[in-house]
Amino acid sequence: MIPLPRSWLLASAMLVGLAAGVLGAAAALTVEHARMRPDLAIALVVGFPSVVGLLVLLLSRARWLTALGVFFLAVAPGWFGVLAVIEVVTRG
């Protein structure tokens, strides 16, 4: 059984994770990087935090680990949203 913390704590972890994803993507844009295929970038940005978050969530034995897993799961949509906005803006 997955131990669930209070609902406000889960919602807070999701909001902070989403904000961390947006800020992480904005910070990554300032770093000089090589060109990468879009499908690999999406797989890396969405896949890695999702896999880590699901593993932490499913293997959690404490409530704080559940909140941490939800945080990692929420990073992916924030980062992906910034990628999508950048792609739309640069393509014109």
PDB file of N, CA and C in Angstrom:
ATOM      1  N   MET A   1       0.832  -1.175   0.000  1.00  0.00           N
ATOM      2  CA  MET A   1       0.000   0.000   0.000  1.00  0.00           C
ATOM      3  C   MET A   1       0.880   1.244   0.000  1.00  0.00           C
ATOM      4  N   ILE A   2       0.530   2.200  -0.822  1.00  0.00           N
ATOM      5  CA  ILE A   2       1.285   3.448  -0.903  1.00  0.00           C
ATOM      6  C   ILE A   2       0.805   4.372   0.210  1.00  0.00           C
ATOM      7  N   PRO A   3       1.719   4.823   1.070  1.00  0.00           N
ATOM      8  CA  PRO A   3       1.306   5.734   2.146  1.00  0.00           C
ATOM      9  C   PRO A   3       1.035   7.127   1.590  1.00  0.00           C
ATOM     10  N   LEU A   4      -0.168   7.620   1.817  1.00  0.00           N
ATOM     11  CA  LEU A   4      -0.555   8.920   1.282  1.00  0.00           C
ATOM     12  C   LEU A   4      -0.477   9.997   2.357  1.00  0.00           C
ATOM     13  N   PRO A   5       0.247  11.081   2.069  1.00  0.00           N
ATOM     14  CA  PRO A   5       0.232  12.210   3.000  1.00  0.00           C
ATOM     15  C   PRO A   5      -1.049  13.018   2.824  1.00  0.00           C
ATOM     16  N   ARG A   6      -1.162  14.084   3.546  1.00  0.00           N
ATOM     17  CA  ARG A   6      -2.343  14.946   3.436  1.00  0.00           C
ATOM     18  C   ARG A   6      -2.462  15.499   2.016  1.00  0.00           C
ATOM     19  N   SER A   7      -3.675  15.787   1.625  1.00  0.00           N
ATOM     20  CA  SER A   7      -3.908  16.243   0.253  1.00  0.00           C
ATOM     21  C   SER A   7      -3.228  17.574  -0.032  1.00  0.00           C
ATOM     22  N   TRP A   8      -3.167  18.469   0.931  1.00  0.00           N
ATOM     23  CA  TRP A   8      -2.504  19.754   0.699  1.00  0.00           C
ATOM     24  C   TRP A   8      -1.011  19.559   0.473  1.00  0.00           C
ATOM     25  N   LEU A   9      -0.417  18.548   1.099  1.00  0.00           N
ATOM     26  CA  LEU A   9       1.010  18.290   0.902  1.00  0.00           C
ATOM     27  C   LEU A   9       1.276  17.726  -0.494  1.00  0.00           C
ATOM     28  N   LEU A  10       0.393  16.855  -0.968  1.00  0.00           N
ATOM     29  CA  LEU A  10       0.549  16.332  -2.328  1.00  0.00           C
ATOM     30  C   LEU A  10       0.351  17.430  -3.375  1.00  0.00           C
ATOM     31  N   ALA A  11      -0.647  18.266  -3.162  1.00  0.00           N
ATOM     32  CA  ALA A  11      -0.871  19.372  -4.091  1.00  0.00           C
ATOM     33  C   ALA A  11       0.302  20.343  -4.078  1.00  0.00           C
ATOM     34  N   SER A  12       0.855  20.597  -2.914  1.00  0.00           N
ATOM     35  CA  SER A  12       2.018  21.480  -2.814  1.00  0.00           C
ATOM     36  C   SER A  12       3.225  20.882  -3.515  1.00  0.00           C
ATOM     37  N   ALA A  13       3.423  19.585  -3.359  1.00  0.00           N
ATOM     38  CA  ALA A  13       4.547  18.917  -4.023  1.00  0.00           C
ATOM     39  C   ALA A  13       4.395  18.984  -5.533  1.00  0.00           C
ATOM     40  N   MET A  14       3.158  18.855  -6.022  1.00  0.00           N
ATOM     41  CA  MET A  14       2.932  18.965  -7.462  1.00  0.00           C
ATOM     42  C   MET A  14       3.201  20.375  -7.972  1.00  0.00           C
ATOM     43  N   LEU A  15       2.737  21.370  -7.250  1.00  0.00           N
ATOM     44  CA  LEU A  15       2.955  22.743  -7.685  1.00  0.00           C
ATOM     45  C   LEU A  15       4.431  23.117  -7.663  1.00  0.00           C
ATOM     46  N   VAL A  16       5.133  22.702  -6.631  1.00  0.00           N
ATOM     47  CA  VAL A  16       6.559  22.998  -6.540  1.00  0.00           C
ATOM     48  C   VAL A  16       7.321  22.230  -7.629  1.00  0.00           C
ATOM     49  N   GLY A  17       6.923  21.001  -7.911  1.00  0.00           N
ATOM     50  CA  GLY A  17       7.546  20.230  -8.983  1.00  0.00           C
ATOM     51  C   GLY A  17       7.332  20.858 -10.347  1.00  0.00           C
ATOM     52  N   LEU A  18       6.130  21.352 -10.577  1.00  0.00           N
ATOM     53  CA  LEU A  18       5.846  22.028 -11.842  1.00  0.00           C
ATOM     54  C   LEU A  18       6.686  23.285 -11.979  1.00  0.00           C
ATOM     55  N   ALA A  19       6.782  24.058 -10.910  1.00  0.00           N
ATOM     56  CA  ALA A  19       7.603  25.271 -10.935  1.00  0.00           C
ATOM     57  C   ALA A  19       9.077  24.929 -11.119  1.00  0.00           C
ATOM     58  N   ALA A  20       9.530  23.852 -10.493  1.00  0.00           N
ATOM     59  CA  ALA A  20      10.924  23.439 -10.660  1.00  0.00           C
ATOM     60  C   ALA A  20      11.190  23.011 -12.097  1.00  0.00           C
ATOM     61  N   GLY A  21      10.232  22.367 -12.738  1.00  0.00           N
ATOM     62  CA  GLY A  21      10.387  21.986 -14.143  1.00  0.00           C
ATOM     63  C   GLY A  21      10.476  23.190 -15.058  1.00  0.00           C
ATOM     64  N   VAL A  22       9.638  24.192 -14.803  1.00  0.00           N
ATOM     65  CA  VAL A  22       9.666  25.409 -15.618  1.00  0.00           C
ATOM     66  C   VAL A  22      10.985  26.148 -15.414  1.00  0.00           C
ATOM     67  N   LEU A  23      11.401  26.299 -14.154  1.00  0.00           N
ATOM     68  CA  LEU A  23      12.659  26.995 -13.875  1.00  0.00           C
ATOM     69  C   LEU A  23      13.864  26.217 -14.387  1.00  0.00           C
ATOM     70  N   GLY A  24      13.819  24.896 -14.283  1.00  0.00           N
ATOM     71  CA  GLY A  24      14.913  24.071 -14.799  1.00  0.00           C
ATOM     72  C   GLY A  24      15.043  24.184 -16.307  1.00  0.00           C
ATOM     73  N   ALA A  25      13.921  24.216 -16.996  1.00  0.00           N
ATOM     74  CA  ALA A  25      13.961  24.354 -18.453  1.00  0.00           C
ATOM     75  C   ALA A  25      14.453  25.735 -18.853  1.00  0.00           C
ATOM     76  N   ALA A  26      14.025  26.757 -18.128  1.00  0.00           N
ATOM     77  CA  ALA A  26      14.491  28.116 -18.435  1.00  0.00           C
ATOM     78  C   ALA A  26      15.988  28.241 -18.172  1.00  0.00           C
ATOM     79  N   ALA A  27      16.469  27.600 -17.120  1.00  0.00           N
ATOM     80  CA  ALA A  27      17.900  27.635 -16.830  1.00  0.00           C
ATOM     81  C   ALA A  27      18.688  26.840 -17.867  1.00  0.00           C
ATOM     82  N   ALA A  28      18.126  25.754 -18.336  1.00  0.00           N
ATOM     83  CA  ALA A  28      18.810  24.938 -19.343  1.00  0.00           C
ATOM     84  C   ALA A  28      18.919  25.668 -20.678  1.00  0.00           C
ATOM     85  N   LEU A  29      18.018  26.591 -20.935  1.00  0.00           N
ATOM     86  CA  LEU A  29      18.082  27.353 -22.185  1.00  0.00           C
ATOM     87  C   LEU A  29      19.265  28.308 -22.200  1.00  0.00           C
ATOM     88  N   THR A  30      19.711  28.734 -21.037  1.00  0.00           N
ATOM     89  CA  THR A  30      20.834  29.671 -20.980  1.00  0.00           C
ATOM     90  C   THR A  30      22.169  28.970 -21.182  1.00  0.00           C
ATOM     91  N   VAL A  31      22.207  27.666 -20.980  1.00  0.00           N
ATOM     92  CA  VAL A  31      23.441  26.905 -21.142  1.00  0.00           C
ATOM     93  C   VAL A  31      23.638  26.597 -22.631  1.00  0.00           C
ATOM     94  N   GLU A  32      24.845  26.754 -23.090  1.00  0.00           N
ATOM     95  CA  GLU A  32      25.156  26.435 -24.490  1.00  0.00           C
ATOM     96  C   GLU A  32      25.107  24.916 -24.660  1.00  0.00           C
ATOM     97  N   HIS A  33      24.361  24.441 -25.613  1.00  0.00           N
ATOM     98  CA  HIS A  33      24.224  23.002 -25.798  1.00  0.00           C
ATOM     99  C   HIS A  33      24.245  22.652 -27.281  1.00  0.00           C
ATOM    100  N   ALA A  34      24.556  21.408 -27.547  1.00  0.00           N
ATOM    101  CA  ALA A  34      24.603  20.926 -28.927  1.00  0.00           C
ATOM    102  C   ALA A  34      23.178  20.667 -29.423  1.00  0.00           C
ATOM    103  N   ARG A  35      23.032  20.631 -30.707  1.00  0.00           N
ATOM    104  CA  ARG A  35      21.731  20.320 -31.293  1.00  0.00           C
ATOM    105  C   ARG A  35      21.366  18.877 -30.974  1.00  0.00           C
ATOM    106  N   MET A  36      20.114  18.662 -30.651  1.00  0.00           N
ATOM    107  CA  MET A  36      19.647  17.339 -30.293  1.00  0.00           C
ATOM    108  C   MET A  36      18.364  17.059 -31.071  1.00  0.00           C
ATOM    109  N   ARG A  37      18.185  15.823 -31.437  1.00  0.00           N
ATOM    110  CA  ARG A  37      16.957  15.448 -32.125  1.00  0.00           C
ATOM    111  C   ARG A  37      15.774  15.691 -31.206  1.00  0.00           C
ATOM    112  N   PRO A  38      14.671  16.227 -31.733  1.00  0.00           N
ATOM    113  CA  PRO A  38      13.523  16.543 -30.881  1.00  0.00           C
ATOM    114  C   PRO A  38      12.929  15.328 -30.175  1.00  0.00           C
ATOM    115  N   ASP A  39      12.919  14.178 -30.834  1.00  0.00           N
ATOM    116  CA  ASP A  39      12.350  12.999 -30.181  1.00  0.00           C
ATOM    117  C   ASP A  39      13.206  12.546 -29.006  1.00  0.00           C
ATOM    118  N   LEU A  40      14.518  12.680 -29.120  1.00  0.00           N
ATOM    119  CA  LEU A  40      15.386  12.336 -27.986  1.00  0.00           C
ATOM    120  C   LEU A  40      15.245  13.338 -26.851  1.00  0.00           C
ATOM    121  N   ALA A  41      15.084  14.602 -27.193  1.00  0.00           N
ATOM    122  CA  ALA A  41      14.909  15.623 -26.160  1.00  0.00           C
ATOM    123  C   ALA A  41      13.608  15.395 -25.396  1.00  0.00           C
ATOM    124  N   ILE A  42      12.547  15.080 -26.099  1.00  0.00           N
ATOM    125  CA  ILE A  42      11.267  14.820 -25.435  1.00  0.00           C
ATOM    126  C   ILE A  42      11.350  13.566 -24.578  1.00  0.00           C
ATOM    127  N   ALA A  43      11.997  12.532 -25.092  1.00  0.00           N
ATOM    128  CA  ALA A  43      12.151  11.302 -24.303  1.00  0.00           C
ATOM    129  C   ALA A  43      12.956  11.556 -23.038  1.00  0.00           C
ATOM    130  N   LEU A  44      13.993  12.360 -23.137  1.00  0.00           N
ATOM    131  CA  LEU A  44      14.818  12.667 -21.973  1.00  0.00           C
ATOM    132  C   LEU A  44      14.066  13.538 -20.970  1.00  0.00           C
ATOM    133  N   VAL A  45      13.395  14.562 -21.461  1.00  0.00           N
ATOM    134  CA  VAL A  45      12.730  15.526 -20.588  1.00  0.00           C
ATOM    135  C   VAL A  45      11.479  14.926 -19.937  1.00  0.00           C
ATOM    136  N   VAL A  46      10.731  14.130 -20.661  1.00  0.00           N
ATOM    137  CA  VAL A  46       9.505  13.557 -20.107  1.00  0.00           C
ATOM    138  C   VAL A  46       9.762  12.188 -19.494  1.00  0.00           C
ATOM    139  N   GLY A  47      10.582  11.389 -20.133  1.00  0.00           N
ATOM    140  CA  GLY A  47      10.780  10.013 -19.686  1.00  0.00           C
ATOM    141  C   GLY A  47      11.552   9.878 -18.391  1.00  0.00           C
ATOM    142  N   PHE A  48      12.664  10.570 -18.271  1.00  0.00           N
ATOM    143  CA  PHE A  48      13.515  10.402 -17.086  1.00  0.00           C
ATOM    144  C   PHE A  48      12.814  10.808 -15.786  1.00  0.00           C
ATOM    145  N   PRO A  49      12.238  12.026 -15.690  1.00  0.00           N
ATOM    146  CA  PRO A  49      11.552  12.356 -14.438  1.00  0.00           C
ATOM    147  C   PRO A  49      10.339  11.464 -14.168  1.00  0.00           C
ATOM    148  N   SER A  50       9.669  11.029 -15.229  1.00  0.00           N
ATOM    149  CA  SER A  50       8.499  10.166 -15.038  1.00  0.00           C
ATOM    150  C   SER A  50       8.899   8.805 -14.487  1.00  0.00           C
ATOM    151  N   VAL A  51       9.959   8.216 -15.025  1.00  0.00           N
ATOM    152  CA  VAL A  51      10.413   6.912 -14.543  1.00  0.00           C
ATOM    153  C   VAL A  51      10.914   7.012 -13.096  1.00  0.00           C
ATOM    154  N   VAL A  52      11.710   8.035 -12.823  1.00  0.00           N
ATOM    155  CA  VAL A  52      12.223   8.213 -11.452  1.00  0.00           C
ATOM    156  C   VAL A  52      11.066   8.458 -10.487  1.00  0.00           C
ATOM    157  N   GLY A  53      10.125   9.326 -10.876  1.00  0.00           N
ATOM    158  CA  GLY A  53       8.984   9.618 -10.013  1.00  0.00           C
ATOM    159  C   GLY A  53       8.114   8.406  -9.756  1.00  0.00           C
ATOM    160  N   LEU A  54       7.853   7.619 -10.796  1.00  0.00           N
ATOM    161  CA  LEU A  54       7.034   6.417 -10.604  1.00  0.00           C
ATOM    162  C   LEU A  54       7.734   5.386  -9.722  1.00  0.00           C
ATOM    163  N   LEU A  55       9.049   5.231  -9.913  1.00  0.00           N
ATOM    164  CA  LEU A  55       9.777   4.287  -9.066  1.00  0.00           C
ATOM    165  C   LEU A  55       9.764   4.717  -7.609  1.00  0.00           C
ATOM    166  N   VAL A  56      10.008   5.991  -7.366  1.00  0.00           N
ATOM    167  CA  VAL A  56       9.980   6.483  -5.985  1.00  0.00           C
ATOM    168  C   VAL A  56       8.579   6.346  -5.402  1.00  0.00           C
ATOM    169  N   LEU A  57       7.582   6.661  -6.203  1.00  0.00           N
ATOM    170  CA  LEU A  57       6.202   6.585  -5.731  1.00  0.00           C
ATOM    171  C   LEU A  57       5.785   5.148  -5.418  1.00  0.00           C
ATOM    172  N   LEU A  58       6.113   4.231  -6.300  1.00  0.00           N
ATOM    173  CA  LEU A  58       5.690   2.842  -6.099  1.00  0.00           C
ATOM    174  C   LEU A  58       6.482   2.124  -5.015  1.00  0.00           C
ATOM    175  N   LEU A  59       7.729   2.531  -4.802  1.00  0.00           N
ATOM    176  CA  LEU A  59       8.560   1.876  -3.795  1.00  0.00           C
ATOM    177  C   LEU A  59       8.600   2.627  -2.468  1.00  0.00           C
ATOM    178  N   SER A  60       7.777   3.646  -2.324  1.00  0.00           N
ATOM    179  CA  SER A  60       7.822   4.460  -1.106  1.00  0.00           C
ATOM    180  C   SER A  60       7.230   3.699   0.080  1.00  0.00           C
ATOM    181  N   ARG A  61       7.875   3.895   1.204  1.00  0.00           N
ATOM    182  CA  ARG A  61       7.393   3.306   2.451  1.00  0.00           C
ATOM    183  C   ARG A  61       7.015   4.371   3.468  1.00  0.00           C
ATOM    184  N   ALA A  62       7.301   5.609   3.134  1.00  0.00           N
ATOM    185  CA  ALA A  62       6.980   6.722   4.023  1.00  0.00           C
ATOM    186  C   ALA A  62       6.204   7.775   3.241  1.00  0.00           C
ATOM    187  N   ARG A  63       5.470   8.596   3.951  1.00  0.00           N
ATOM    188  CA  ARG A  63       4.653   9.614   3.298  1.00  0.00           C
ATOM    189  C   ARG A  63       5.492  10.658   2.590  1.00  0.00           C
ATOM    190  N   TRP A  64       6.644  10.988   3.137  1.00  0.00           N
ATOM    191  CA  TRP A  64       7.477  12.003   2.496  1.00  0.00           C
ATOM    192  C   TRP A  64       8.059  11.486   1.184  1.00  0.00           C
ATOM    193  N   LEU A  65       8.283  10.164   1.091  1.00  0.00           N
ATOM    194  CA  LEU A  65       8.749   9.595  -0.176  1.00  0.00           C
ATOM    195  C   LEU A  65       7.656   9.640  -1.251  1.00  0.00           C
ATOM    196  N   THR A  66       6.421   9.485  -0.831  1.00  0.00           N
ATOM    197  CA  THR A  66       5.311   9.620  -1.771  1.00  0.00           C
ATOM    198  C   THR A  66       5.251  11.038  -2.313  1.00  0.00           C
ATOM    199  N   ALA A  67       5.411  12.015  -1.431  1.00  0.00           N
ATOM    200  CA  ALA A  67       5.417  13.412  -1.871  1.00  0.00           C
ATOM    201  C   ALA A  67       6.607  13.695  -2.794  1.00  0.00           C
ATOM    202  N   LEU A  68       7.750  13.087  -2.507  1.00  0.00           N
ATOM    203  CA  LEU A  68       8.921  13.267  -3.366  1.00  0.00           C
ATOM    204  C   LEU A  68       8.688  12.662  -4.754  1.00  0.00           C
ATOM    205  N   GLY A  69       8.057  11.500  -4.808  1.00  0.00           N
ATOM    206  CA  GLY A  69       7.728  10.881  -6.091  1.00  0.00           C
ATOM    207  C   GLY A  69       6.765  11.726  -6.901  1.00  0.00           C
ATOM    208  N   VAL A  70       5.787  12.311  -6.238  1.00  0.00           N
ATOM    209  CA  VAL A  70       4.841  13.201  -6.923  1.00  0.00           C
ATOM    210  C   VAL A  70       5.562  14.447  -7.426  1.00  0.00           C
ATOM    211  N   PHE A  71       6.526  14.951  -6.647  1.00  0.00           N
ATOM    212  CA  PHE A  71       7.335  16.086  -7.084  1.00  0.00           C
ATOM    213  C   PHE A  71       8.069  15.754  -8.377  1.00  0.00           C
ATOM    214  N   PHE A  72       8.732  14.602  -8.416  1.00  0.00           N
ATOM    215  CA  PHE A  72       9.467  14.209  -9.622  1.00  0.00           C
ATOM    216  C   PHE A  72       8.533  14.014 -10.815  1.00  0.00           C
ATOM    217  N   LEU A  73       7.348  13.466 -10.565  1.00  0.00           N
ATOM    218  CA  LEU A  73       6.382  13.299 -11.653  1.00  0.00           C
ATOM    219  C   LEU A  73       5.904  14.640 -12.200  1.00  0.00           C
ATOM    220  N   ALA A  74       5.826  15.650 -11.355  1.00  0.00           N
ATOM    221  CA  ALA A  74       5.326  16.955 -11.790  1.00  0.00           C
ATOM    222  C   ALA A  74       6.389  17.782 -12.501  1.00  0.00           C
ATOM    223  N   VAL A  75       7.648  17.397 -12.413  1.00  0.00           N
ATOM    224  CA  VAL A  75       8.707  18.136 -13.104  1.00  0.00           C
ATOM    225  C   VAL A  75       8.552  18.000 -14.619  1.00  0.00           C
ATOM    226  N   ALA A  76       8.177  16.831 -15.086  1.00  0.00           N
ATOM    227  CA  ALA A  76       8.100  16.557 -16.527  1.00  0.00           C
ATOM    228  C   ALA A  76       7.125  17.479 -17.272  1.00  0.00           C
ATOM    229  N   PRO A  77       5.899  17.698 -16.808  1.00  0.00           N
ATOM    230  CA  PRO A  77       5.005  18.588 -17.572  1.00  0.00           C
ATOM    231  C   PRO A  77       5.487  20.035 -17.605  1.00  0.00           C
ATOM    232  N   GLY A  78       6.104  20.498 -16.518  1.00  0.00           N
ATOM    233  CA  GLY A  78       6.624  21.865 -16.516  1.00  0.00           C
ATOM    234  C   GLY A  78       7.738  22.040 -17.530  1.00  0.00           C
ATOM    235  N   TRP A  79       8.660  21.101 -17.551  1.00  0.00           N
ATOM    236  CA  TRP A  79       9.787  21.169 -18.482  1.00  0.00           C
ATOM    237  C   TRP A  79       9.287  21.026 -19.928  1.00  0.00           C
ATOM    238  N   PHE A  80       8.370  20.086 -20.144  1.00  0.00           N
ATOM    239  CA  PHE A  80       7.834  19.867 -21.486  1.00  0.00           C
ATOM    240  C   PHE A  80       7.053  21.081 -21.974  1.00  0.00           C
ATOM    241  N   GLY A  81       6.340  21.737 -21.079  1.00  0.00           N
ATOM    242  CA  GLY A  81       5.601  22.945 -21.459  1.00  0.00           C
ATOM    243  C   GLY A  81       6.517  24.040 -21.959  1.00  0.00           C
ATOM    244  N   VAL A  82       7.649  24.233 -21.288  1.00  0.00           N
ATOM    245  CA  VAL A  82       8.601  25.243 -21.742  1.00  0.00           C
ATOM    246  C   VAL A  82       9.195  24.835 -23.087  1.00  0.00           C
ATOM    247  N   LEU A  83       9.501  23.551 -23.268  1.00  0.00           N
ATOM    248  CA  LEU A  83      10.000  23.099 -24.568  1.00  0.00           C
ATOM    249  C   LEU A  83       8.996  23.372 -25.682  1.00  0.00           C
ATOM    250  N   ALA A  84       7.731  23.111 -25.413  1.00  0.00           N
ATOM    251  CA  ALA A  84       6.702  23.343 -26.425  1.00  0.00           C
ATOM    252  C   ALA A  84       6.554  24.828 -26.747  1.00  0.00           C
ATOM    253  N   VAL A  85       6.603  25.676 -25.719  1.00  0.00           N
ATOM    254  CA  VAL A  85       6.500  27.117 -25.949  1.00  0.00           C
ATOM    255  C   VAL A  85       7.679  27.621 -26.756  1.00  0.00           C
ATOM    256  N   ILE A  86       8.879  27.166 -26.428  1.00  0.00           N
ATOM    257  CA  ILE A  86      10.075  27.588 -27.167  1.00  0.00           C
ATOM    258  C   ILE A  86       9.990  27.137 -28.623  1.00  0.00           C
ATOM    259  N   GLU A  87       9.517  25.930 -28.851  1.00  0.00           N
ATOM    260  CA  GLU A  87       9.393  25.423 -30.213  1.00  0.00           C
ATOM    261  C   GLU A  87       8.375  26.245 -31.013  1.00  0.00           C
ATOM    262  N   VAL A  88       7.258  26.594 -30.402  1.00  0.00           N
ATOM    263  CA  VAL A  88       6.250  27.383 -31.098  1.00  0.00           C
ATOM    264  C   VAL A  88       6.764  28.782 -31.396  1.00  0.00           C
ATOM    265  N   VAL A  89       7.456  29.384 -30.440  1.00  0.00           N
ATOM    266  CA  VAL A  89       7.932  30.752 -30.628  1.00  0.00           C
ATOM    267  C   VAL A  89       9.041  30.809 -31.674  1.00  0.00           C
ATOM    268  N   THR A  90       9.941  29.855 -31.679  1.00  0.00           N
ATOM    269  CA  THR A  90      11.049  29.902 -32.619  1.00  0.00           C
ATOM    270  C   THR A  90      10.641  29.504 -34.037  1.00  0.00           C
ATOM    271  N   ARG A  91       9.604  28.703 -34.181  1.00  0.00           N
ATOM    272  CA  ARG A  91       9.158  28.287 -35.516  1.00  0.00           C
ATOM    273  C   ARG A  91       8.332  29.365 -36.196  1.00  0.00           C
ATOM    274  N   GLY A  92       7.776  30.277 -35.386  1.00  0.00           N
ATOM    275  CA  GLY A  92       7.031  31.407 -35.953  1.00  0.00           C
ATOM    276  C   GLY A  92       5.697  31.013 -36.381  1.00  0.00           C
TER     277      GLY A  92
END
